[in-house]
Amino acid sequence: MNPIIPLYVTLQTFVQGRVDQLKERTDDRGASAIEYGALLVVSAVVIGVLVGIANSEFKTAVTGKIQEIFSN
C-alpha cells in the first residue's frame, strides 16, 4: 500500500470538516468597514505624530550642524 494514502485521507477529512464548520457558522464575527476605517485613522494619527517628532529633531540636528560648519 502507498504510504501517502493515509496522509491524503486524513488531510481530506480535516479539510472537509473545516468546510462544514464554516458553512454552519452564522454569527458575524468579522470586522466591519467602520472598524477598518477607525484602524486606518488611528494608524494615520500615530504615524503623523511620529513623523512630526522625528522631523523636528532632524531639523534641529541639521540646523545645528550647518551652523557649526559655517561658523568656523
Foldseek 3Di string as FASTA:
>chain_A
DDPCVVVVVVVVVVVVVVVVVVVPDDDDPDDDPVVVVVVVVVVVVVVVVVCVVVVVVVVVVVVVVVCVVVVD
